[in-house]
């Protein structure tokens, strides 16, 4: 599936590239926005983040409780929906693209932009 044009144009990303961006989740206990800087892989119109585990990682636990998230990259904000990747083949493909030594036991989350209307400048 090709990337939606608004992502390529607005964010100027290449398929299967690695990037660092801010992920804002909603706190599962407080209901307040929580932001963390993470490394993402951009592939086929979606962003993917990985973690060594879910337990103890607040951003992971927050996304599982409330999948509505926001991704901020170079001043652009994207409204997105997050879900944990359960397809083993996709999880392994994403981990091999991370741009650092592959740690194949990591958990992967897909961060999918909702629409063009979700893009706004900071």
N, C-alpha and C. Protein backbone atom coordinates (compact mmCIF):
# COMPACT_ATOMS: atom_id res chain seq x y z
N UNK A 1 0.84 -1.18 0.00
CA UNK A 1 0.00 0.00 0.00
C UNK A 1 0.89 1.24 0.00
N UNK A 2 0.76 2.13 -0.99
CA UNK A 2 1.59 3.33 -1.01
C UNK A 2 1.18 4.29 0.09
N UNK A 3 2.13 5.11 0.49
CA UNK A 3 1.85 6.09 1.54
C UNK A 3 0.88 7.14 1.04
N UNK A 4 -0.02 7.58 1.91
CA UNK A 4 -0.89 8.68 1.52
C UNK A 4 -0.03 9.88 1.15
N UNK A 5 -0.40 10.60 0.09
CA UNK A 5 0.44 11.71 -0.37
C UNK A 5 0.66 12.79 0.67
N UNK A 6 -0.33 13.02 1.56
CA UNK A 6 -0.15 14.09 2.54
C UNK A 6 1.01 13.80 3.48
N UNK A 7 1.28 12.53 3.77
CA UNK A 7 2.39 12.21 4.66
C UNK A 7 3.71 12.43 3.93
N UNK A 8 3.81 11.96 2.70
CA UNK A 8 5.06 12.15 1.95
C UNK A 8 5.35 13.62 1.75
N UNK A 9 4.35 14.41 1.41
CA UNK A 9 4.55 15.82 1.12
C UNK A 9 4.82 16.60 2.40
N UNK A 10 3.96 16.42 3.40
CA UNK A 10 4.08 17.21 4.62
C UNK A 10 5.31 16.83 5.43
N UNK A 11 5.59 15.57 5.51
CA UNK A 11 6.69 15.12 6.36
C UNK A 11 7.94 14.73 5.59
N UNK A 12 7.85 14.64 4.28
CA UNK A 12 9.00 14.34 3.43
C UNK A 12 9.73 13.08 3.89
N UNK A 13 9.01 11.98 3.98
CA UNK A 13 9.59 10.72 4.45
C UNK A 13 9.70 9.71 3.33
N UNK A 14 10.73 8.88 3.44
CA UNK A 14 10.92 7.78 2.50
C UNK A 14 10.39 6.51 3.15
N UNK A 15 9.80 5.64 2.34
CA UNK A 15 9.31 4.37 2.86
C UNK A 15 10.44 3.58 3.49
N UNK A 16 10.15 2.97 4.62
CA UNK A 16 11.07 2.14 5.39
C UNK A 16 12.23 2.93 5.98
N UNK A 17 12.01 4.23 6.21
CA UNK A 17 13.03 5.06 6.86
C UNK A 17 12.81 5.07 8.37
N UNK A 18 13.86 5.45 9.08
CA UNK A 18 13.82 5.55 10.53
C UNK A 18 13.87 7.03 10.90
N UNK A 19 13.17 7.41 11.96
CA UNK A 19 13.12 8.81 12.37
C UNK A 19 12.88 8.90 13.87
N UNK A 20 13.15 10.06 14.42
CA UNK A 20 12.85 10.34 15.83
C UNK A 20 11.76 11.40 15.86
N UNK A 21 10.73 11.16 16.67
CA UNK A 21 9.60 12.09 16.78
C UNK A 21 9.03 11.99 18.19
N UNK A 22 8.13 12.91 18.50
CA UNK A 22 7.44 12.90 19.79
C UNK A 22 6.11 12.19 19.66
N UNK A 23 5.81 11.33 20.60
CA UNK A 23 4.53 10.64 20.68
C UNK A 23 3.81 11.15 21.92
N UNK A 24 2.59 11.64 21.73
CA UNK A 24 1.79 12.09 22.86
C UNK A 24 0.63 11.13 23.05
N UNK A 25 0.57 10.56 24.24
CA UNK A 25 -0.51 9.65 24.62
C UNK A 25 -1.35 10.33 25.69
N UNK A 26 -2.46 9.73 26.02
CA UNK A 26 -3.29 10.21 27.14
C UNK A 26 -3.03 9.29 28.32
N UNK A 27 -2.64 9.88 29.44
CA UNK A 27 -2.33 9.09 30.63
C UNK A 27 -3.50 8.21 31.04
N UNK A 28 -3.24 6.94 31.25
CA UNK A 28 -4.32 6.00 31.56
C UNK A 28 -4.90 6.23 32.94
N UNK A 29 -4.14 6.86 33.83
CA UNK A 29 -4.64 7.15 35.18
C UNK A 29 -5.07 8.61 35.32
N UNK A 30 -4.28 9.53 34.74
CA UNK A 30 -4.54 10.96 34.92
C UNK A 30 -5.46 11.55 33.87
N UNK A 31 -5.48 10.94 32.67
CA UNK A 31 -6.25 11.51 31.57
C UNK A 31 -5.57 12.72 30.95
N UNK A 32 -4.34 13.01 31.35
CA UNK A 32 -3.60 14.16 30.84
C UNK A 32 -2.63 13.73 29.75
N UNK A 33 -2.31 14.64 28.82
CA UNK A 33 -1.35 14.31 27.75
C UNK A 33 0.04 14.01 28.33
N UNK A 34 0.67 12.99 27.76
CA UNK A 34 2.03 12.60 28.14
C UNK A 34 2.83 12.44 26.86
N UNK A 35 4.00 13.09 26.80
CA UNK A 35 4.81 13.07 25.58
C UNK A 35 6.15 12.42 25.84
N UNK A 36 6.57 11.59 24.89
CA UNK A 36 7.86 10.91 24.95
C UNK A 36 8.50 10.95 23.56
N UNK A 37 9.82 11.13 23.53
CA UNK A 37 10.54 11.10 22.26
C UNK A 37 10.94 9.65 21.98
N UNK A 38 10.61 9.19 20.77
CA UNK A 38 10.87 7.80 20.39
C UNK A 38 11.44 7.71 18.99
N UNK A 39 12.05 6.59 18.70
CA UNK A 39 12.46 6.27 17.33
C UNK A 39 11.32 5.51 16.66
N UNK A 40 11.01 5.91 15.44
CA UNK A 40 9.94 5.28 14.66
C UNK A 40 10.49 4.77 13.35
N UNK A 41 9.83 3.77 12.81
CA UNK A 41 10.05 3.33 11.44
C UNK A 41 8.80 3.74 10.67
N UNK A 42 9.00 4.37 9.52
CA UNK A 42 7.88 4.77 8.66
C UNK A 42 7.79 3.74 7.54
N UNK A 43 6.61 3.12 7.39
CA UNK A 43 6.44 2.09 6.37
C UNK A 43 4.99 2.09 5.87
N UNK A 44 4.84 2.24 4.57
CA UNK A 44 3.53 2.13 3.91
C UNK A 44 2.45 2.99 4.57
N UNK A 45 2.80 4.23 4.91
CA UNK A 45 1.82 5.17 5.43
C UNK A 45 1.58 5.10 6.93
N UNK A 46 2.28 4.21 7.62
CA UNK A 46 2.13 4.09 9.08
C UNK A 46 3.49 4.26 9.75
N UNK A 47 3.44 4.58 11.01
CA UNK A 47 4.63 4.71 11.83
C UNK A 47 4.64 3.55 12.82
N UNK A 48 5.82 3.06 13.14
CA UNK A 48 5.95 1.93 14.05
C UNK A 48 6.97 2.26 15.13
N UNK A 49 6.60 2.02 16.38
CA UNK A 49 7.49 2.21 17.52
C UNK A 49 7.66 0.87 18.21
N UNK A 50 8.82 0.69 18.83
CA UNK A 50 9.04 -0.58 19.55
C UNK A 50 9.52 -0.30 20.96
N UNK A 51 9.33 -1.29 21.79
CA UNK A 51 9.73 -1.19 23.19
C UNK A 51 10.24 -2.55 23.66
N UNK A 52 11.12 -2.52 24.64
CA UNK A 52 11.64 -3.78 25.18
C UNK A 52 10.55 -4.57 25.90
N UNK A 53 9.53 -3.86 26.37
CA UNK A 53 8.42 -4.50 27.08
C UNK A 53 7.27 -3.51 27.20
N UNK A 54 6.11 -4.00 27.59
CA UNK A 54 4.96 -3.14 27.84
C UNK A 54 4.91 -2.78 29.33
N UNK A 55 5.09 -3.77 30.18
CA UNK A 55 5.05 -3.56 31.63
C UNK A 55 6.10 -2.53 32.04
N UNK A 56 5.68 -1.50 32.75
CA UNK A 56 6.60 -0.47 33.21
C UNK A 56 6.86 0.63 32.20
N UNK A 57 6.41 0.48 30.98
CA UNK A 57 6.56 1.51 29.95
C UNK A 57 5.22 2.24 29.85
N UNK A 58 5.16 3.42 30.43
CA UNK A 58 3.90 4.14 30.52
C UNK A 58 3.29 4.46 29.15
N UNK A 59 4.14 4.82 28.18
CA UNK A 59 3.60 5.17 26.86
C UNK A 59 2.92 3.96 26.23
N UNK A 60 3.47 2.78 26.43
CA UNK A 60 2.85 1.55 25.90
C UNK A 60 1.52 1.28 26.61
N UNK A 61 1.54 1.35 27.91
CA UNK A 61 0.32 1.09 28.68
C UNK A 61 -0.76 2.12 28.37
N UNK A 62 -0.35 3.37 28.16
CA UNK A 62 -1.32 4.42 27.82
C UNK A 62 -1.99 4.13 26.48
N UNK A 63 -1.21 3.69 25.48
CA UNK A 63 -1.77 3.41 24.16
C UNK A 63 -2.73 2.22 24.19
N UNK A 64 -2.43 1.24 25.02
CA UNK A 64 -3.32 0.09 25.13
C UNK A 64 -4.66 0.50 25.75
N UNK A 65 -4.61 1.44 26.69
CA UNK A 65 -5.84 1.93 27.35
C UNK A 65 -6.61 2.89 26.45
N UNK A 66 -5.87 3.80 25.75
CA UNK A 66 -6.50 4.79 24.88
C UNK A 66 -5.67 4.91 23.60
N UNK A 67 -6.11 4.32 22.50
CA UNK A 67 -5.30 4.29 21.28
C UNK A 67 -5.23 5.61 20.51
N UNK A 68 -5.96 6.64 20.94
CA UNK A 68 -5.88 7.95 20.27
C UNK A 68 -4.59 8.63 20.71
N UNK A 69 -3.68 8.85 19.75
CA UNK A 69 -2.37 9.44 20.04
C UNK A 69 -2.08 10.55 19.03
N UNK A 70 -1.02 11.31 19.31
CA UNK A 70 -0.57 12.34 18.38
C UNK A 70 0.93 12.18 18.17
N UNK A 71 1.33 12.28 16.92
CA UNK A 71 2.73 12.18 16.54
C UNK A 71 3.19 13.55 16.08
N UNK A 72 4.31 14.05 16.59
CA UNK A 72 4.85 15.35 16.20
C UNK A 72 6.23 15.14 15.60
N UNK A 73 6.38 15.62 14.37
CA UNK A 73 7.65 15.46 13.63
C UNK A 73 7.92 16.73 12.85
N UNK A 74 9.05 17.38 13.13
CA UNK A 74 9.44 18.62 12.45
C UNK A 74 8.34 19.68 12.45
N UNK A 75 7.65 19.80 13.56
CA UNK A 75 6.62 20.81 13.69
C UNK A 75 5.25 20.41 13.19
N UNK A 76 5.13 19.27 12.55
CA UNK A 76 3.83 18.79 12.08
C UNK A 76 3.26 17.81 13.09
N UNK A 77 1.95 17.95 13.32
CA UNK A 77 1.26 17.06 14.26
C UNK A 77 0.25 16.22 13.50
N UNK A 78 0.29 14.93 13.76
CA UNK A 78 -0.64 13.99 13.13
C UNK A 78 -1.49 13.32 14.20
N UNK A 79 -2.80 13.38 14.04
CA UNK A 79 -3.70 12.61 14.90
C UNK A 79 -3.68 11.17 14.39
N UNK A 80 -3.46 10.24 15.30
CA UNK A 80 -3.27 8.84 14.90
C UNK A 80 -4.02 7.90 15.83
N UNK A 81 -4.08 6.65 15.41
CA UNK A 81 -4.61 5.57 16.22
C UNK A 81 -3.52 4.52 16.36
N UNK A 82 -3.32 4.05 17.58
CA UNK A 82 -2.25 3.09 17.86
C UNK A 82 -2.83 1.72 18.17
N UNK A 83 -2.06 0.69 17.78
CA UNK A 83 -2.42 -0.68 18.18
C UNK A 83 -1.14 -1.51 18.22
N UNK A 84 -1.15 -2.51 19.09
CA UNK A 84 -0.01 -3.40 19.18
C UNK A 84 -0.02 -4.34 17.99
N UNK A 85 1.14 -4.52 17.38
CA UNK A 85 1.27 -5.43 16.23
C UNK A 85 1.28 -6.86 16.76
N UNK A 86 0.35 -7.66 16.26
CA UNK A 86 0.27 -9.06 16.67
C UNK A 86 0.72 -10.01 15.56
N UNK A 87 0.85 -9.49 14.34
CA UNK A 87 1.33 -10.31 13.22
C UNK A 87 2.85 -10.47 13.36
N UNK A 88 3.28 -11.69 13.59
CA UNK A 88 4.70 -11.96 13.86
C UNK A 88 5.60 -11.58 12.70
N UNK A 89 5.17 -11.82 11.47
CA UNK A 89 5.99 -11.46 10.31
C UNK A 89 6.17 -9.96 10.21
N UNK A 90 5.11 -9.19 10.38
CA UNK A 90 5.20 -7.73 10.34
C UNK A 90 6.08 -7.22 11.48
N UNK A 91 5.90 -7.77 12.67
CA UNK A 91 6.72 -7.35 13.83
C UNK A 91 8.20 -7.53 13.53
N UNK A 92 8.57 -8.66 12.97
CA UNK A 92 9.98 -8.93 12.65
C UNK A 92 10.49 -8.01 11.53
N UNK A 93 9.65 -7.75 10.53
CA UNK A 93 10.05 -6.85 9.45
C UNK A 93 10.35 -5.45 9.99
N UNK A 94 9.48 -4.96 10.85
CA UNK A 94 9.67 -3.62 11.42
C UNK A 94 10.93 -3.58 12.26
N UNK A 95 11.14 -4.57 13.09
CA UNK A 95 12.34 -4.59 13.94
C UNK A 95 13.62 -4.63 13.11
N UNK A 96 13.58 -5.27 11.96
CA UNK A 96 14.79 -5.32 11.12
C UNK A 96 15.07 -3.98 10.44
N UNK A 97 14.10 -3.07 10.41
CA UNK A 97 14.26 -1.76 9.77
C UNK A 97 14.65 -0.64 10.74
N UNK A 98 14.79 -0.92 11.98
CA UNK A 98 14.96 0.11 13.01
C UNK A 98 16.22 0.95 12.87
N UNK A 99 17.22 0.52 12.16
CA UNK A 99 18.44 1.32 12.03
C UNK A 99 19.41 1.13 13.17
N UNK A 100 19.18 0.12 13.98
CA UNK A 100 20.11 -0.25 15.05
C UNK A 100 20.09 -1.77 15.11
N UNK A 101 21.00 -2.35 15.86
CA UNK A 101 21.01 -3.82 15.90
C UNK A 101 19.63 -4.37 16.21
N UNK A 102 19.22 -5.32 15.42
CA UNK A 102 17.88 -5.89 15.57
C UNK A 102 17.76 -6.60 16.91
N UNK A 103 16.77 -6.20 17.68
CA UNK A 103 16.44 -6.87 18.94
C UNK A 103 15.05 -7.47 18.72
N UNK A 104 15.04 -8.71 18.31
CA UNK A 104 13.83 -9.33 17.79
C UNK A 104 12.80 -9.70 18.86
N UNK A 105 13.12 -9.47 20.12
CA UNK A 105 12.16 -9.79 21.17
C UNK A 105 11.31 -8.58 21.57
N UNK A 106 11.48 -7.45 20.89
CA UNK A 106 10.77 -6.23 21.24
C UNK A 106 9.29 -6.26 20.84
N UNK A 107 8.49 -5.49 21.54
CA UNK A 107 7.07 -5.29 21.25
C UNK A 107 6.99 -4.16 20.23
N UNK A 108 6.08 -4.27 19.25
CA UNK A 108 5.94 -3.24 18.22
C UNK A 108 4.51 -2.70 18.23
N UNK A 109 4.40 -1.38 18.06
CA UNK A 109 3.12 -0.71 17.96
C UNK A 109 3.02 -0.01 16.61
N UNK A 110 1.86 -0.14 15.98
CA UNK A 110 1.57 0.58 14.74
C UNK A 110 0.85 1.88 15.11
N UNK A 111 1.33 2.99 14.55
CA UNK A 111 0.73 4.31 14.77
C UNK A 111 0.20 4.76 13.42
N UNK A 112 -1.11 4.70 13.23
CA UNK A 112 -1.71 4.95 11.92
C UNK A 112 -2.38 6.33 11.88
N UNK A 113 -1.93 7.21 10.97
CA UNK A 113 -2.58 8.52 10.84
C UNK A 113 -4.05 8.35 10.46
N UNK A 114 -4.89 9.22 11.01
CA UNK A 114 -6.33 9.11 10.78
C UNK A 114 -6.73 9.70 9.44
N UNK A 115 -6.22 10.89 9.09
CA UNK A 115 -6.60 11.53 7.83
C UNK A 115 -5.76 12.77 7.62
N UNK A 116 -5.91 13.37 6.46
CA UNK A 116 -5.22 14.61 6.16
C UNK A 116 -5.60 15.70 7.16
N UNK A 117 -6.86 15.70 7.59
CA UNK A 117 -7.32 16.72 8.52
C UNK A 117 -6.55 16.63 9.85
N UNK A 118 -5.92 15.48 10.09
CA UNK A 118 -5.16 15.32 11.32
C UNK A 118 -3.80 15.98 11.30
N UNK A 119 -3.38 16.54 10.14
CA UNK A 119 -2.07 17.18 10.04
C UNK A 119 -2.23 18.66 10.34
N UNK A 120 -1.43 19.15 11.27
CA UNK A 120 -1.45 20.59 11.52
C UNK A 120 -0.06 21.06 11.95
N UNK A 121 0.23 22.29 11.65
CA UNK A 121 1.52 22.87 11.98
C UNK A 121 1.52 23.35 13.42
N UNK A 122 2.65 23.17 14.09
CA UNK A 122 2.79 23.68 15.47
C UNK A 122 3.08 25.16 15.43
